[in-house]
């Protein structure tokens, strides 16, 4: 749902730019895809939750977006689609999301997404650019996603260039995730070492305190014995 909300930005940007075909068709497809994702989410939640009215009362934003921003509304009401951006509020919890993203499982999923995107982009390139074979498309996709860019194969159409921009962002994003995961590994090891050192220091301090308390207790016992012997005399 966060991805769907983020796609609102390029969709609105394309429409506001006044670009012609095929960009207008791309924006229209994005509009329908985004709204469909929100509608499916609401339908699924209403189907699985035990108390539907309670879910509607506690999730008014999700319901309002589905009702107020369908693509088939008149053009005068299409400006309401900006409310879809409110679904980005959960991004405020990026710290917790980043912790899962930089884990081994998160890196694995990010790598799988990057590979699938590269293969799909290569196939799309061969169909968009005239005279480009499937191997040419795959070669261009790999050199683009790795930001190498040999220059022997490059898009000549606007749609191909847009595909290249998206592919470069995917490559840079995967490198960022991989770098963050490696940095977290180093930081986690350092934090663990620090915790062990602090734990040992606390144990030593605890033993010192217990020793002093034991010594104080022995002195008190000796003092009590002396007082008792003096009273007996």
Foldseek 3Di string as FASTA:
>chain_A
DLVLLVLVVVLVVLVVVVDDPPSPVVSLVSLQVSLVVLVVVLVVCCVPDPDNVVVCVVCVLSVCLNVQAHPPDPPVSNVVNNSSNVVNVVCVVVVVVLVVCLDPVNLVVLVVVLVVLLLVQLVVQQVPAPPADSVNSSVQSVCLLCVNCPPPDADDDPVRVVSSVVSVVSSVVSVVSPVVSVVVVVVVVVVVVVVVVVVVVVVVVVVVVVVVVVVVVVVVVVVVVVVVVVVVD
